[in-house]
Amino acid sequence: TLQHTATRCNTLIDDTLAATPVVMFSFTTCPFCLKAKGLLQDEIKLDPSMLTIIECDDDAEGNAIRAELGRRTGRTSMPSIWIKDSGYIGGCNDGPGIMPLQKEGKLVPMLVAAGALEEF
């Protein structure tokens, strides 16, 4: 049933958010998702163990997950990026977004506070 799917998606989202300091709900080919992944993985060099990426277009429950994220955040756009203790930080360029946070020097302190990065 639809209710059963929503419950399962809520559990999946909650478990995923609890498992690692940084979570990104993404689409494999979305340019904004690829840019955000590049920032975290290549530029900031976040340890892979600190980041969970759920590719909604590869997941059987992907549409339901996206709908649930939309219910929680008011946005269904991808990526949907979450940092422990900070919560939902938006997407690539919006809500406030990972790129603006990086440009303003706010992203790294958030990642350090979440335990995802060592302090420099």
C-alpha atoms as a PDB file:
ATOM      1  CA  THR A   1       0.000   0.000   0.000  1.00  0.00           C
ATOM      2  CA  LEU A   2       0.965   3.648  -0.367  1.00  0.00           C
ATOM      3  CA  GLN A   3       1.023   4.113   3.421  1.00  0.00           C
ATOM      4  CA  HIS A   4       3.315   1.098   3.772  1.00  0.00           C
ATOM      5  CA  THR A   5       5.693   2.554   1.145  1.00  0.00           C
ATOM      6  CA  ALA A   6       5.747   5.940   2.903  1.00  0.00           C
ATOM      7  CA  THR A   7       6.534   4.272   6.240  1.00  0.00           C
ATOM      8  CA  ARG A   8       9.303   2.218   4.643  1.00  0.00           C
ATOM      9  CA  CYS A   9      10.761   5.335   2.973  1.00  0.00           C
ATOM     10  CA  ASN A  10      10.651   7.278   6.246  1.00  0.00           C
ATOM     11  CA  THR A  11      12.540   4.474   7.978  1.00  0.00           C
ATOM     12  CA  LEU A  12      15.080   4.312   5.152  1.00  0.00           C
ATOM     13  CA  ILE A  13      15.619   8.093   5.232  1.00  0.00           C
ATOM     14  CA  ASP A  14      15.926   8.173   9.047  1.00  0.00           C
ATOM     15  CA  ASP A  15      18.319   5.192   9.114  1.00  0.00           C
ATOM     16  CA  THR A  16      20.432   6.708   6.324  1.00  0.00           C
ATOM     17  CA  LEU A  17      20.613  10.110   8.028  1.00  0.00           C
ATOM     18  CA  ALA A  18      21.665   8.414  11.282  1.00  0.00           C
ATOM     19  CA  ALA A  19      24.354   6.247   9.655  1.00  0.00           C
ATOM     20  CA  THR A  20      26.812   8.839   8.297  1.00  0.00           C
ATOM     21  CA  PRO A  21      27.509  12.528   8.975  1.00  0.00           C
ATOM     22  CA  VAL A  22      26.761  13.549   5.378  1.00  0.00           C
ATOM     23  CA  VAL A  23      23.935  12.217   3.191  1.00  0.00           C
ATOM     24  CA  MET A  24      23.077  13.144  -0.369  1.00  0.00           C
ATOM     25  CA  PHE A  25      19.953  11.997  -2.154  1.00  0.00           C
ATOM     26  CA  SER A  26      20.878  12.253  -5.803  1.00  0.00           C
ATOM     27  CA  PHE A  27      20.289  11.329  -9.444  1.00  0.00           C
ATOM     28  CA  THR A  28      23.206   9.617 -11.226  1.00  0.00           C
ATOM     29  CA  THR A  29      23.180  11.946 -14.264  1.00  0.00           C
ATOM     30  CA  CYS A  30      21.981  15.226 -12.695  1.00  0.00           C
ATOM     31  CA  PRO A  31      24.620  17.942 -13.328  1.00  0.00           C
ATOM     32  CA  PHE A  32      23.901  19.647  -9.979  1.00  0.00           C
ATOM     33  CA  CYS A  33      24.297  16.311  -8.173  1.00  0.00           C
ATOM     34  CA  LEU A  34      27.578  15.619  -9.975  1.00  0.00           C
ATOM     35  CA  LYS A  35      28.859  19.108  -9.065  1.00  0.00           C
ATOM     36  CA  ALA A  36      27.925  18.617  -5.381  1.00  0.00           C
ATOM     37  CA  LYS A  37      29.569  15.164  -5.322  1.00  0.00           C
ATOM     38  CA  GLY A  38      32.686  16.640  -6.920  1.00  0.00           C
ATOM     39  CA  LEU A  39      32.866  19.327  -4.232  1.00  0.00           C
ATOM     40  CA  LEU A  40      32.599  16.809  -1.380  1.00  0.00           C
ATOM     41  CA  GLN A  41      34.651  13.977  -2.867  1.00  0.00           C
ATOM     42  CA  ASP A  42      37.334  15.713  -4.951  1.00  0.00           C
ATOM     43  CA  GLU A  43      37.711  19.256  -3.618  1.00  0.00           C
ATOM     44  CA  ILE A  44      37.080  18.768   0.127  1.00  0.00           C
ATOM     45  CA  LYS A  45      38.266  15.131  -0.036  1.00  0.00           C
ATOM     46  CA  LEU A  46      35.609  13.885   2.364  1.00  0.00           C
ATOM     47  CA  ASP A  47      36.384  10.356   3.525  1.00  0.00           C
ATOM     48  CA  PRO A  48      33.999   7.961   1.712  1.00  0.00           C
ATOM     49  CA  SER A  49      32.977   6.446   5.067  1.00  0.00           C
ATOM     50  CA  MET A  50      31.532   9.838   6.078  1.00  0.00           C
ATOM     51  CA  LEU A  51      29.225  10.161   3.062  1.00  0.00           C
ATOM     52  CA  THR A  52      26.185   8.171   1.967  1.00  0.00           C
ATOM     53  CA  ILE A  53      24.803   8.821  -1.497  1.00  0.00           C
ATOM     54  CA  ILE A  54      21.395   7.408  -2.372  1.00  0.00           C
ATOM     55  CA  GLU A  55      20.868   7.469  -6.147  1.00  0.00           C
ATOM     56  CA  CYS A  56      17.098   7.864  -6.406  1.00  0.00           C
ATOM     57  CA  ASP A  57      17.046   6.969 -10.105  1.00  0.00           C
ATOM     58  CA  ASP A  58      18.755   3.629  -9.326  1.00  0.00           C
ATOM     59  CA  ASP A  59      16.575   2.800  -6.310  1.00  0.00           C
ATOM     60  CA  ALA A  60      13.268   0.974  -6.684  1.00  0.00           C
ATOM     61  CA  GLU A  61      11.834   3.267  -3.986  1.00  0.00           C
ATOM     62  CA  GLY A  62      13.475   6.360  -5.499  1.00  0.00           C
ATOM     63  CA  ASN A  63      10.280   8.203  -6.442  1.00  0.00           C
ATOM     64  CA  ALA A  64       8.736   7.499  -3.046  1.00  0.00           C
ATOM     65  CA  ILE A  65      11.936   8.642  -1.296  1.00  0.00           C
ATOM     66  CA  ARG A  66      11.916  11.839  -3.335  1.00  0.00           C
ATOM     67  CA  ALA A  67       8.246  12.446  -2.470  1.00  0.00           C
ATOM     68  CA  GLU A  68       8.997  11.955   1.232  1.00  0.00           C
ATOM     69  CA  LEU A  69      11.987  14.311   1.063  1.00  0.00           C
ATOM     70  CA  GLY A  70       9.671  16.839  -0.582  1.00  0.00           C
ATOM     71  CA  ARG A  71       7.229  16.452   2.277  1.00  0.00           C
ATOM     72  CA  ARG A  72      10.016  17.032   4.823  1.00  0.00           C
ATOM     73  CA  THR A  73      11.811  19.911   3.105  1.00  0.00           C
ATOM     74  CA  GLY A  74       9.281  21.494   0.750  1.00  0.00           C
ATOM     75  CA  ARG A  75      11.625  20.702  -2.151  1.00  0.00           C
ATOM     76  CA  THR A  76      11.780  17.739  -4.523  1.00  0.00           C
ATOM     77  CA  SER A  77      14.788  19.048  -6.463  1.00  0.00           C
ATOM     78  CA  MET A  78      17.965  16.986  -6.451  1.00  0.00           C
ATOM     79  CA  PRO A  79      20.397  16.794  -4.815  1.00  0.00           C
ATOM     80  CA  SER A  80      18.964  16.828  -1.307  1.00  0.00           C
ATOM     81  CA  ILE A  81      21.932  17.256   1.030  1.00  0.00           C
ATOM     82  CA  TRP A  82      21.937  16.680   4.780  1.00  0.00           C
ATOM     83  CA  ILE A  83      24.695  17.271   7.333  1.00  0.00           C
ATOM     84  CA  LYS A  84      24.536  15.877  10.870  1.00  0.00           C
ATOM     85  CA  ASP A  85      23.581  18.567  13.426  1.00  0.00           C
ATOM     86  CA  SER A  86      22.866  21.081  10.632  1.00  0.00           C
ATOM     87  CA  GLY A  87      20.083  19.027   9.048  1.00  0.00           C
ATOM     88  CA  TYR A  88      18.892  19.752   5.523  1.00  0.00           C
ATOM     89  CA  ILE A  89      21.222  22.248   3.829  1.00  0.00           C
ATOM     90  CA  GLY A  90      19.474  22.322   0.451  1.00  0.00           C
ATOM     91  CA  GLY A  91      20.838  21.321  -2.907  1.00  0.00           C
ATOM     92  CA  CYS A  92      23.748  22.445  -5.033  1.00  0.00           C
ATOM     93  CA  ASN A  93      23.010  26.189  -5.267  1.00  0.00           C
ATOM     94  CA  ASP A  94      19.750  26.602  -3.348  1.00  0.00           C
ATOM     95  CA  GLY A  95      18.284  26.342   0.111  1.00  0.00           C
ATOM     96  CA  PRO A  96      21.087  27.699   1.054  1.00  0.00           C
ATOM     97  CA  GLY A  97      22.992  25.052  -0.945  1.00  0.00           C
ATOM     98  CA  ILE A  98      26.369  23.405  -0.717  1.00  0.00           C
ATOM     99  CA  MET A  99      28.143  25.732  -3.213  1.00  0.00           C
ATOM    100  CA  PRO A 100      27.097  29.017  -1.512  1.00  0.00           C
ATOM    101  CA  LEU A 101      27.991  27.527   1.896  1.00  0.00           C
ATOM    102  CA  GLN A 102      31.450  26.578   0.575  1.00  0.00           C
ATOM    103  CA  LYS A 103      31.949  30.009  -1.010  1.00  0.00           C
ATOM    104  CA  GLU A 104      30.997  31.716   2.267  1.00  0.00           C
ATOM    105  CA  GLY A 105      33.406  29.532   4.259  1.00  0.00           C
ATOM    106  CA  LYS A 106      30.555  27.900   6.205  1.00  0.00           C
ATOM    107  CA  LEU A 107      30.603  24.365   4.787  1.00  0.00           C
ATOM    108  CA  VAL A 108      33.883  23.091   6.260  1.00  0.00           C
ATOM    109  CA  PRO A 109      32.994  24.187   9.834  1.00  0.00           C
ATOM    110  CA  MET A 110      29.633  22.384   9.436  1.00  0.00           C
ATOM    111  CA  LEU A 111      31.444  19.225   8.267  1.00  0.00           C
ATOM    112  CA  VAL A 112      33.912  19.479  11.174  1.00  0.00           C
ATOM    113  CA  ALA A 113      31.036  19.950  13.673  1.00  0.00           C
ATOM    114  CA  ALA A 114      29.323  16.878  12.173  1.00  0.00           C
ATOM    115  CA  GLY A 115      32.469  14.790  12.708  1.00  0.00           C
ATOM    116  CA  ALA A 116      32.857  14.306   8.940  1.00  0.00           C
ATOM    117  CA  LEU A 117      36.158  16.203   8.653  1.00  0.00           C
ATOM    118  CA  GLU A 118      39.191  16.631  10.865  1.00  0.00           C
ATOM    119  CA  GLU A 119      39.889  20.218  11.838  1.00  0.00           C
ATOM    120  CA  PHE A 120      42.708  21.704   9.814  1.00  0.00           C
END
